[in-house]
Amino acid sequence: MMPTNEYVEVRNGGYYVAGARIGLDVVTCDFRNGRSAEAIFDAYPSIGSLAKVYGAITFILEHPKEVEAYLKDQDRILGVQGPTSDACGYGRAI
C-alpha cells in the first residue's frame, strides 16, 4: 500500500485527492497527458484548491513506482488489459 499525505487519502480501497471525489488516477493520467495543474483544477473544481492539485502532483512525482502499480491494478480491476492499453486505461496504437 502506498503512503498518503495531506493531499492524498485512501477511501474504499482507492486513492483520492483529500476531501474530494476525484481519484488519484484521474489527476495522474491528466498530468501525464500534459494537462497543467491549473487545467486539472479548472476541469475538476470540486478538488477544492489549486494547492491540492499541486500536492497530489507532488505525491505522484515522489512515488512513481507505487503510483504506476496502483494504476495497473486499477486497469486490471476495470478489465483494461493487453498491449493496446497503457497504465491510464487509455487505448494506444501498437
PDB file of N, CA and C in Angstrom:
ATOM      1  N   MET A   1       0.832  -1.181   0.000  1.00  0.00           N
ATOM      2  CA  MET A   1       0.000   0.000   0.000  1.00  0.00           C
ATOM      3  C   MET A   1       0.881   1.250   0.000  1.00  0.00           C
ATOM      4  N   MET A   2       0.478   2.229  -0.794  1.00  0.00           N
ATOM      5  CA  MET A   2       1.213   3.484  -0.876  1.00  0.00           C
ATOM      6  C   MET A   2       1.000   4.302   0.392  1.00  0.00           C
ATOM      7  N   PRO A   3       1.961   5.144   0.684  1.00  0.00           N
ATOM      8  CA  PRO A   3       1.742   6.090   1.772  1.00  0.00           C
ATOM      9  C   PRO A   3       0.722   7.136   1.331  1.00  0.00           C
ATOM     10  N   THR A   4       0.269   7.940   2.253  1.00  0.00           N
ATOM     11  CA  THR A   4      -0.599   9.064   1.916  1.00  0.00           C
ATOM     12  C   THR A   4       0.019  10.332   2.490  1.00  0.00           C
ATOM     13  N   ASN A   5      -0.589  11.459   2.209  1.00  0.00           N
ATOM     14  CA  ASN A   5      -0.153  12.716   2.793  1.00  0.00           C
ATOM     15  C   ASN A   5      -1.381  13.608   2.951  1.00  0.00           C
ATOM     16  N   GLU A   6      -1.183  14.865   3.242  1.00  0.00           N
ATOM     17  CA  GLU A   6      -2.332  15.738   3.463  1.00  0.00           C
ATOM     18  C   GLU A   6      -3.138  15.998   2.188  1.00  0.00           C
ATOM     19  N   TYR A   7      -2.597  15.644   1.036  1.00  0.00           N
ATOM     20  CA  TYR A   7      -3.283  15.886  -0.231  1.00  0.00           C
ATOM     21  C   TYR A   7      -3.868  14.631  -0.866  1.00  0.00           C
ATOM     22  N   VAL A   8      -3.478  13.478  -0.383  1.00  0.00           N
ATOM     23  CA  VAL A   8      -3.936  12.204  -0.946  1.00  0.00           C
ATOM     24  C   VAL A   8      -4.389  11.311   0.201  1.00  0.00           C
ATOM     25  N   GLU A   9      -5.575  10.710   0.030  1.00  0.00           N
ATOM     26  CA  GLU A   9      -6.094   9.825   1.074  1.00  0.00           C
ATOM     27  C   GLU A   9      -6.640   8.542   0.453  1.00  0.00           C
ATOM     28  N   VAL A  10      -6.762   7.518   1.297  1.00  0.00           N
ATOM     29  CA  VAL A  10      -7.316   6.238   0.873  1.00  0.00           C
ATOM     30  C   VAL A  10      -8.755   6.164   1.354  1.00  0.00           C
ATOM     31  N   ARG A  11      -9.659   5.828   0.419  1.00  0.00           N
ATOM     32  CA  ARG A  11     -11.067   5.605   0.748  1.00  0.00           C
ATOM     33  C   ARG A  11     -11.588   4.479  -0.118  1.00  0.00           C
ATOM     34  N   ASN A  12     -12.323   3.583   0.475  1.00  0.00           N
ATOM     35  CA  ASN A  12     -12.970   2.500  -0.280  1.00  0.00           C
ATOM     36  C   ASN A  12     -11.993   1.755  -1.178  1.00  0.00           C
ATOM     37  N   GLY A  13     -10.762   1.574  -0.705  1.00  0.00           N
ATOM     38  CA  GLY A  13      -9.765   0.835  -1.462  1.00  0.00           C
ATOM     39  C   GLY A  13      -9.115   1.601  -2.592  1.00  0.00           C
ATOM     40  N   GLY A  14      -9.411   2.892  -2.714  1.00  0.00           N
ATOM     41  CA  GLY A  14      -8.827   3.700  -3.778  1.00  0.00           C
ATOM     42  C   GLY A  14      -8.143   4.926  -3.216  1.00  0.00           C
ATOM     43  N   TYR A  15      -7.327   5.546  -4.040  1.00  0.00           N
ATOM     44  CA  TYR A  15      -6.624   6.769  -3.657  1.00  0.00           C
ATOM     45  C   TYR A  15      -7.342   7.960  -4.274  1.00  0.00           C
ATOM     46  N   TYR A  16      -7.553   8.991  -3.456  1.00  0.00           N
ATOM     47  CA  TYR A  16      -8.290  10.172  -3.870  1.00  0.00           C
ATOM     48  C   TYR A  16      -7.565  11.433  -3.430  1.00  0.00           C
ATOM     49  N   VAL A  17      -7.848  12.529  -4.140  1.00  0.00           N
ATOM     50  CA  VAL A  17      -7.408  13.822  -3.653  1.00  0.00           C
ATOM     51  C   VAL A  17      -8.162  14.042  -2.340  1.00  0.00           C
ATOM     52  N   ALA A  18      -7.448  14.414  -1.298  1.00  0.00           N
ATOM     53  CA  ALA A  18      -8.036  14.540   0.038  1.00  0.00           C
ATOM     54  C   ALA A  18      -9.259  15.457   0.016  1.00  0.00           C
ATOM     55  N   GLY A  19     -10.342  14.954   0.588  1.00  0.00           N
ATOM     56  CA  GLY A  19     -11.561  15.735   0.707  1.00  0.00           C
ATOM     57  C   GLY A  19     -12.355  15.891  -0.571  1.00  0.00           C
ATOM     58  N   ALA A  20     -11.966  15.179  -1.618  1.00  0.00           N
ATOM     59  CA  ALA A  20     -12.653  15.292  -2.911  1.00  0.00           C
ATOM     60  C   ALA A  20     -13.030  13.914  -3.431  1.00  0.00           C
ATOM     61  N   ARG A  21     -13.890  13.907  -4.407  1.00  0.00           N
ATOM     62  CA  ARG A  21     -14.294  12.643  -5.035  1.00  0.00           C
ATOM     63  C   ARG A  21     -13.465  12.331  -6.272  1.00  0.00           C
ATOM     64  N   ILE A  22     -12.421  13.092  -6.493  1.00  0.00           N
ATOM     65  CA  ILE A  22     -11.574  12.913  -7.674  1.00  0.00           C
ATOM     66  C   ILE A  22     -10.463  11.928  -7.331  1.00  0.00           C
ATOM     67  N   GLY A  23     -10.365  10.862  -8.109  1.00  0.00           N
ATOM     68  CA  GLY A  23      -9.361   9.836  -7.867  1.00  0.00           C
ATOM     69  C   GLY A  23      -7.966  10.278  -8.262  1.00  0.00           C
ATOM     70  N   LEU A  24      -6.996   9.714  -7.572  1.00  0.00           N
ATOM     71  CA  LEU A  24      -5.598   9.988  -7.907  1.00  0.00           C
ATOM     72  C   LEU A  24      -5.294   9.554  -9.333  1.00  0.00           C
ATOM     73  N   ASP A  25      -5.954   8.502  -9.796  1.00  0.00           N
ATOM     74  CA  ASP A  25      -5.738   8.038 -11.167  1.00  0.00           C
ATOM     75  C   ASP A  25      -6.134   9.102 -12.185  1.00  0.00           C
ATOM     76  N   VAL A  26      -7.185   9.846 -11.915  1.00  0.00           N
ATOM     77  CA  VAL A  26      -7.627  10.906 -12.825  1.00  0.00           C
ATOM     78  C   VAL A  26      -6.571  11.995 -12.914  1.00  0.00           C
ATOM     79  N   VAL A  27      -6.095  12.450 -11.762  1.00  0.00           N
ATOM     80  CA  VAL A  27      -5.076  13.503 -11.738  1.00  0.00           C
ATOM     81  C   VAL A  27      -3.795  13.008 -12.404  1.00  0.00           C
ATOM     82  N   THR A  28      -3.395  11.776 -12.085  1.00  0.00           N
ATOM     83  CA  THR A  28      -2.173  11.217 -12.653  1.00  0.00           C
ATOM     84  C   THR A  28      -2.244  11.170 -14.170  1.00  0.00           C
ATOM     85  N   CYS A  29      -3.324  10.638 -14.696  1.00  0.00           N
ATOM     86  CA  CYS A  29      -3.436  10.495 -16.151  1.00  0.00           C
ATOM     87  C   CYS A  29      -3.529  11.839 -16.846  1.00  0.00           C
ATOM     88  N   ASP A  30      -4.274  12.769 -16.262  1.00  0.00           N
ATOM     89  CA  ASP A  30      -4.335  14.101 -16.864  1.00  0.00           C
ATOM     90  C   ASP A  30      -2.952  14.752 -16.870  1.00  0.00           C
ATOM     91  N   PHE A  31      -2.246  14.664 -15.759  1.00  0.00           N
ATOM     92  CA  PHE A  31      -0.911  15.252 -15.660  1.00  0.00           C
ATOM     93  C   PHE A  31       0.043  14.599 -16.648  1.00  0.00           C
ATOM     94  N   ARG A  32       0.021  13.273 -16.741  1.00  0.00           N
ATOM     95  CA  ARG A  32       0.901  12.563 -17.669  1.00  0.00           C
ATOM     96  C   ARG A  32       0.577  12.882 -19.121  1.00  0.00           C
ATOM     97  N   ASN A  33      -0.664  13.235 -19.374  1.00  0.00           N
ATOM     98  CA  ASN A  33      -1.072  13.572 -20.741  1.00  0.00           C
ATOM     99  C   ASN A  33      -0.884  15.051 -21.051  1.00  0.00           C
ATOM    100  N   GLY A  34      -0.164  15.759 -20.175  1.00  0.00           N
ATOM    101  CA  GLY A  34       0.229  17.123 -20.468  1.00  0.00           C
ATOM    102  C   GLY A  34      -0.657  18.221 -19.923  1.00  0.00           C
ATOM    103  N   ARG A  35      -1.654  17.867 -19.168  1.00  0.00           N
ATOM    104  CA  ARG A  35      -2.532  18.882 -18.605  1.00  0.00           C
ATOM    105  C   ARG A  35      -1.838  19.568 -17.437  1.00  0.00           C
ATOM    106  N   SER A  36      -1.883  20.866 -17.384  1.00  0.00           N
ATOM    107  CA  SER A  36      -1.262  21.617 -16.294  1.00  0.00           C
ATOM    108  C   SER A  36      -2.091  21.489 -15.019  1.00  0.00           C
ATOM    109  N   ALA A  37      -1.483  21.827 -13.899  1.00  0.00           N
ATOM    110  CA  ALA A  37      -2.210  21.811 -12.625  1.00  0.00           C
ATOM    111  C   ALA A  37      -3.421  22.738 -12.701  1.00  0.00           C
ATOM    112  N   GLU A  38      -3.246  23.879 -13.322  1.00  0.00           N
ATOM    113  CA  GLU A  38      -4.342  24.834 -13.459  1.00  0.00           C
ATOM    114  C   GLU A  38      -5.480  24.249 -14.292  1.00  0.00           C
ATOM    115  N   ALA A  39      -5.137  23.578 -15.379  1.00  0.00           N
ATOM    116  CA  ALA A  39      -6.159  22.968 -16.234  1.00  0.00           C
ATOM    117  C   ALA A  39      -6.868  21.824 -15.517  1.00  0.00           C
ATOM    118  N   ILE A  40      -6.132  21.068 -14.722  1.00  0.00           N
ATOM    119  CA  ILE A  40      -6.757  19.989 -13.943  1.00  0.00           C
ATOM    120  C   ILE A  40      -7.745  20.584 -12.954  1.00  0.00           C
ATOM    121  N   PHE A  41      -7.338  21.648 -12.268  1.00  0.00           N
ATOM    122  CA  PHE A  41      -8.245  22.294 -11.317  1.00  0.00           C
ATOM    123  C   PHE A  41      -9.469  22.873 -12.021  1.00  0.00           C
ATOM    124  N   ASP A  42      -9.265  23.479 -13.191  1.00  0.00           N
ATOM    125  CA  ASP A  42     -10.397  24.013 -13.958  1.00  0.00           C
ATOM    126  C   ASP A  42     -11.361  22.901 -14.351  1.00  0.00           C
ATOM    127  N   ALA A  43     -10.819  21.725 -14.693  1.00  0.00           N
ATOM    128  CA  ALA A  43     -11.657  20.599 -15.110  1.00  0.00           C
ATOM    129  C   ALA A  43     -12.378  19.952 -13.926  1.00  0.00           C
ATOM    130  N   TYR A  44     -11.763  20.000 -12.749  1.00  0.00           N
ATOM    131  CA  TYR A  44     -12.313  19.342 -11.555  1.00  0.00           C
ATOM    132  C   TYR A  44     -12.293  20.310 -10.367  1.00  0.00           C
ATOM    133  N   PRO A  45     -13.103  21.352 -10.406  1.00  0.00           N
ATOM    134  CA  PRO A  45     -13.072  22.337  -9.323  1.00  0.00           C
ATOM    135  C   PRO A  45     -13.477  21.774  -7.968  1.00  0.00           C
ATOM    136  N   SER A  46     -14.141  20.613  -7.967  1.00  0.00           N
ATOM    137  CA  SER A  46     -14.518  20.009  -6.689  1.00  0.00           C
ATOM    138  C   SER A  46     -13.298  19.558  -5.887  1.00  0.00           C
ATOM    139  N   ILE A  47     -12.115  19.567  -6.506  1.00  0.00           N
ATOM    140  CA  ILE A  47     -10.885  19.278  -5.762  1.00  0.00           C
ATOM    141  C   ILE A  47     -10.735  20.282  -4.624  1.00  0.00           C
ATOM    142  N   GLY A  48     -11.177  21.492  -4.840  1.00  0.00           N
ATOM    143  CA  GLY A  48     -11.203  22.464  -3.766  1.00  0.00           C
ATOM    144  C   GLY A  48     -10.187  23.578  -3.852  1.00  0.00           C
ATOM    145  N   SER A  49      -9.000  23.278  -4.322  1.00  0.00           N
ATOM    146  CA  SER A  49      -7.986  24.333  -4.449  1.00  0.00           C
ATOM    147  C   SER A  49      -6.874  23.891  -5.393  1.00  0.00           C
ATOM    148  N   LEU A  50      -6.235  24.871  -5.979  1.00  0.00           N
ATOM    149  CA  LEU A  50      -5.088  24.599  -6.834  1.00  0.00           C
ATOM    150  C   LEU A  50      -3.960  23.975  -6.014  1.00  0.00           C
ATOM    151  N   ALA A  51      -3.832  24.373  -4.756  1.00  0.00           N
ATOM    152  CA  ALA A  51      -2.805  23.807  -3.877  1.00  0.00           C
ATOM    153  C   ALA A  51      -2.978  22.299  -3.726  1.00  0.00           C
ATOM    154  N   LYS A  52      -4.220  21.823  -3.662  1.00  0.00           N
ATOM    155  CA  LYS A  52      -4.450  20.371  -3.562  1.00  0.00           C
ATOM    156  C   LYS A  52      -4.005  19.657  -4.835  1.00  0.00           C
ATOM    157  N   VAL A  53      -4.229  20.296  -5.983  1.00  0.00           N
ATOM    158  CA  VAL A  53      -3.773  19.693  -7.237  1.00  0.00           C
ATOM    159  C   VAL A  53      -2.256  19.580  -7.227  1.00  0.00           C
ATOM    160  N   TYR A  54      -1.583  20.667  -6.862  1.00  0.00           N
ATOM    161  CA  TYR A  54      -0.122  20.628  -6.790  1.00  0.00           C
ATOM    162  C   TYR A  54       0.348  19.608  -5.756  1.00  0.00           C
ATOM    163  N   GLY A  55      -0.343  19.489  -4.643  1.00  0.00           N
ATOM    164  CA  GLY A  55       0.013  18.500  -3.637  1.00  0.00           C
ATOM    165  C   GLY A  55      -0.118  17.083  -4.160  1.00  0.00           C
ATOM    166  N   ALA A  56      -1.194  16.826  -4.906  1.00  0.00           N
ATOM    167  CA  ALA A  56      -1.389  15.497  -5.498  1.00  0.00           C
ATOM    168  C   ALA A  56      -0.313  15.212  -6.544  1.00  0.00           C
ATOM    169  N   ILE A  57       0.028  16.214  -7.357  1.00  0.00           N
ATOM    170  CA  ILE A  57       1.083  16.031  -8.360  1.00  0.00           C
ATOM    171  C   ILE A  57       2.422  15.767  -7.680  1.00  0.00           C
ATOM    172  N   THR A  58       2.705  16.484  -6.611  1.00  0.00           N
ATOM    173  CA  THR A  58       3.940  16.232  -5.853  1.00  0.00           C
ATOM    174  C   THR A  58       3.972  14.806  -5.351  1.00  0.00           C
ATOM    175  N   PHE A  59       2.847  14.333  -4.827  1.00  0.00           N
ATOM    176  CA  PHE A  59       2.744  12.948  -4.352  1.00  0.00           C
ATOM    177  C   PHE A  59       3.028  11.981  -5.500  1.00  0.00           C
ATOM    178  N   ILE A  60       2.448  12.234  -6.653  1.00  0.00           N
ATOM    179  CA  ILE A  60       2.641  11.378  -7.834  1.00  0.00           C
ATOM    180  C   ILE A  60       4.119  11.325  -8.221  1.00  0.00           C
ATOM    181  N   LEU A  61       4.765  12.482  -8.221  1.00  0.00           N
ATOM    182  CA  LEU A  61       6.181  12.540  -8.604  1.00  0.00           C
ATOM    183  C   LEU A  61       7.103  11.918  -7.561  1.00  0.00           C
ATOM    184  N   GLU A  62       6.713  11.965  -6.304  1.00  0.00           N
ATOM    185  CA  GLU A  62       7.543  11.386  -5.238  1.00  0.00           C
ATOM    186  C   GLU A  62       7.385   9.876  -5.111  1.00  0.00           C
ATOM    187  N   HIS A  63       6.314   9.322  -5.674  1.00  0.00           N
ATOM    188  CA  HIS A  63       6.032   7.883  -5.549  1.00  0.00           C
ATOM    189  C   HIS A  63       5.716   7.260  -6.911  1.00  0.00           C
ATOM    190  N   PRO A  64       6.619   7.399  -7.890  1.00  0.00           N
ATOM    191  CA  PRO A  64       6.285   6.945  -9.248  1.00  0.00           C
ATOM    192  C   PRO A  64       6.022   5.441  -9.360  1.00  0.00           C
ATOM    193  N   LYS A  65       6.813   4.634  -8.708  1.00  0.00           N
ATOM    194  CA  LYS A  65       6.618   3.178  -8.816  1.00  0.00           C
ATOM    195  C   LYS A  65       5.308   2.751  -8.177  1.00  0.00           C
ATOM    196  N   GLU A  66       5.004   3.312  -7.024  1.00  0.00           N
ATOM    197  CA  GLU A  66       3.774   2.959  -6.329  1.00  0.00           C
ATOM    198  C   GLU A  66       2.543   3.416  -7.114  1.00  0.00           C
ATOM    199  N   VAL A  67       2.624   4.610  -7.676  1.00  0.00           N
ATOM    200  CA  VAL A  67       1.502   5.124  -8.468  1.00  0.00           C
ATOM    201  C   VAL A  67       1.306   4.274  -9.718  1.00  0.00           C
ATOM    202  N   GLU A  68       2.385   3.919 -10.375  1.00  0.00           N
ATOM    203  CA  GLU A  68       2.282   3.071 -11.569  1.00  0.00           C
ATOM    204  C   GLU A  68       1.640   1.728 -11.228  1.00  0.00           C
ATOM    205  N   ALA A  69       2.065   1.126 -10.121  1.00  0.00           N
ATOM    206  CA  ALA A  69       1.481  -0.147  -9.698  1.00  0.00           C
ATOM    207  C   ALA A  69      -0.011   0.023  -9.396  1.00  0.00           C
ATOM    208  N   TYR A  70      -0.368   1.109  -8.765  1.00  0.00           N
ATOM    209  CA  TYR A  70      -1.781   1.390  -8.470  1.00  0.00           C
ATOM    210  C   TYR A  70      -2.593   1.531  -9.754  1.00  0.00           C
ATOM    211  N   LEU A  71      -2.072   2.265 -10.729  1.00  0.00           N
ATOM    212  CA  LEU A  71      -2.779   2.439 -11.995  1.00  0.00           C
ATOM    213  C   LEU A  71      -2.965   1.112 -12.722  1.00  0.00           C
ATOM    214  N   LYS A  72      -1.933   0.301 -12.716  1.00  0.00           N
ATOM    215  CA  LYS A  72      -2.047  -1.012 -13.365  1.00  0.00           C
ATOM    216  C   LYS A  72      -3.072  -1.883 -12.653  1.00  0.00           C
ATOM    217  N   ASP A  73      -3.115  -1.791 -11.335  1.00  0.00           N
ATOM    218  CA  ASP A  73      -4.104  -2.536 -10.562  1.00  0.00           C
ATOM    219  C   ASP A  73      -5.513  -2.044 -10.896  1.00  0.00           C
ATOM    220  N   GLN A  74      -5.674  -0.730 -11.038  1.00  0.00           N
ATOM    221  CA  GLN A  74      -6.973  -0.168 -11.421  1.00  0.00           C
ATOM    222  C   GLN A  74      -7.378  -0.668 -12.804  1.00  0.00           C
ATOM    223  N   ASP A  75      -6.437  -0.699 -13.737  1.00  0.00           N
ATOM    224  CA  ASP A  75      -6.724  -1.221 -15.071  1.00  0.00           C
ATOM    225  C   ASP A  75      -7.167  -2.679 -14.997  1.00  0.00           C
ATOM    226  N   ARG A  76      -6.492  -3.459 -14.158  1.00  0.00           N
ATOM    227  CA  ARG A  76      -6.851  -4.870 -14.003  1.00  0.00           C
ATOM    228  C   ARG A  76      -8.273  -5.007 -13.465  1.00  0.00           C
ATOM    229  N   ILE A  77      -8.600  -4.219 -12.458  1.00  0.00           N
ATOM    230  CA  ILE A  77      -9.933  -4.263 -11.868  1.00  0.00           C
ATOM    231  C   ILE A  77     -10.995  -3.878 -12.893  1.00  0.00           C
ATOM    232  N   LEU A  78     -10.684  -2.890 -13.726  1.00  0.00           N
ATOM    233  CA  LEU A  78     -11.640  -2.419 -14.729  1.00  0.00           C
ATOM    234  C   LEU A  78     -11.633  -3.255 -16.004  1.00  0.00           C
ATOM    235  N   GLY A  79     -10.725  -4.223 -16.080  1.00  0.00           N
ATOM    236  CA  GLY A  79     -10.675  -5.108 -17.228  1.00  0.00           C
ATOM    237  C   GLY A  79      -9.958  -4.541 -18.432  1.00  0.00           C
ATOM    238  N   VAL A  80      -9.119  -3.534 -18.220  1.00  0.00           N
ATOM    239  CA  VAL A  80      -8.340  -2.949 -19.315  1.00  0.00           C
ATOM    240  C   VAL A  80      -7.011  -3.682 -19.346  1.00  0.00           C
ATOM    241  N   GLN A  81      -6.807  -4.497 -20.386  1.00  0.00           N
ATOM    242  CA  GLN A  81      -5.601  -5.310 -20.457  1.00  0.00           C
ATOM    243  C   GLN A  81      -5.096  -5.389 -21.872  1.00  0.00           C
ATOM    244  N   GLY A  82      -3.874  -5.870 -21.984  1.00  0.00           N
ATOM    245  CA  GLY A  82      -3.321  -6.139 -23.295  1.00  0.00           C
ATOM    246  C   GLY A  82      -2.355  -5.075 -23.760  1.00  0.00           C
ATOM    247  N   PRO A  83      -1.721  -5.337 -24.901  1.00  0.00           N
ATOM    248  CA  PRO A  83      -0.685  -4.444 -25.412  1.00  0.00           C
ATOM    249  C   PRO A  83      -1.210  -3.107 -25.927  1.00  0.00           C
ATOM    250  N   THR A  84      -2.533  -2.958 -26.076  1.00  0.00           N
ATOM    251  CA  THR A  84      -3.059  -1.694 -26.582  1.00  0.00           C
ATOM    252  C   THR A  84      -3.560  -0.783 -25.479  1.00  0.00           C
ATOM    253  N   SER A  85      -3.322  -1.155 -24.221  1.00  0.00           N
ATOM    254  CA  SER A  85      -3.734  -0.256 -23.141  1.00  0.00           C
ATOM    255  C   SER A  85      -2.483   0.227 -22.423  1.00  0.00           C
ATOM    256  N   ASP A  86      -2.587   1.416 -21.859  1.00  0.00           N
ATOM    257  CA  ASP A  86      -1.473   1.929 -21.057  1.00  0.00           C
ATOM    258  C   ASP A  86      -1.931   2.003 -19.605  1.00  0.00           C
ATOM    259  N   ALA A  87      -1.066   2.481 -18.741  1.00  0.00           N
ATOM    260  CA  ALA A  87      -1.378   2.481 -17.323  1.00  0.00           C
ATOM    261  C   ALA A  87      -2.491   3.464 -16.957  1.00  0.00           C
ATOM    262  N   CYS A  88      -2.918   4.290 -17.862  1.00  0.00           N
ATOM    263  CA  CYS A  88      -4.020   5.210 -17.582  1.00  0.00           C
ATOM    264  C   CYS A  88      -5.340   4.686 -18.132  1.00  0.00           C
ATOM    265  N   GLY A  89      -5.314   3.489 -18.690  1.00  0.00           N
ATOM    266  CA  GLY A  89      -6.558   2.900 -19.180  1.00  0.00           C
ATOM    267  C   GLY A  89      -6.987   3.420 -20.534  1.00  0.00           C
ATOM    268  N   TYR A  90      -6.121   4.195 -21.162  1.00  0.00           N
ATOM    269  CA  TYR A  90      -6.435   4.704 -22.481  1.00  0.00           C
ATOM    270  C   TYR A  90      -5.845   3.759 -23.509  1.00  0.00           C
ATOM    271  N   GLY A  91      -6.580   3.475 -24.541  1.00  0.00           N
ATOM    272  CA  GLY A  91      -6.021   2.671 -25.611  1.00  0.00           C
ATOM    273  C   GLY A  91      -4.922   3.422 -26.337  1.00  0.00           C
ATOM    274  N   ARG A  92      -3.985   2.692 -26.866  1.00  0.00           N
ATOM    275  CA  ARG A  92      -2.928   3.331 -27.663  1.00  0.00           C
ATOM    276  C   ARG A  92      -2.604   2.401 -28.822  1.00  0.00           C
ATOM    277  N   ALA A  93      -2.154   2.977 -29.871  1.00  0.00           N
ATOM    278  CA  ALA A  93      -1.799   2.179 -31.043  1.00  0.00           C
ATOM    279  C   ALA A  93      -0.526   1.408 -30.774  1.00  0.00           C
ATOM    280  N   ILE A  94      -0.455   0.246 -31.350  1.00  0.00           N
ATOM    281  CA  ILE A  94       0.759  -0.588 -31.181  1.00  0.00           C
ATOM    282  C   ILE A  94       1.828  -0.112 -32.121  1.00  0.00           C
TER     283      ILE A  94
END
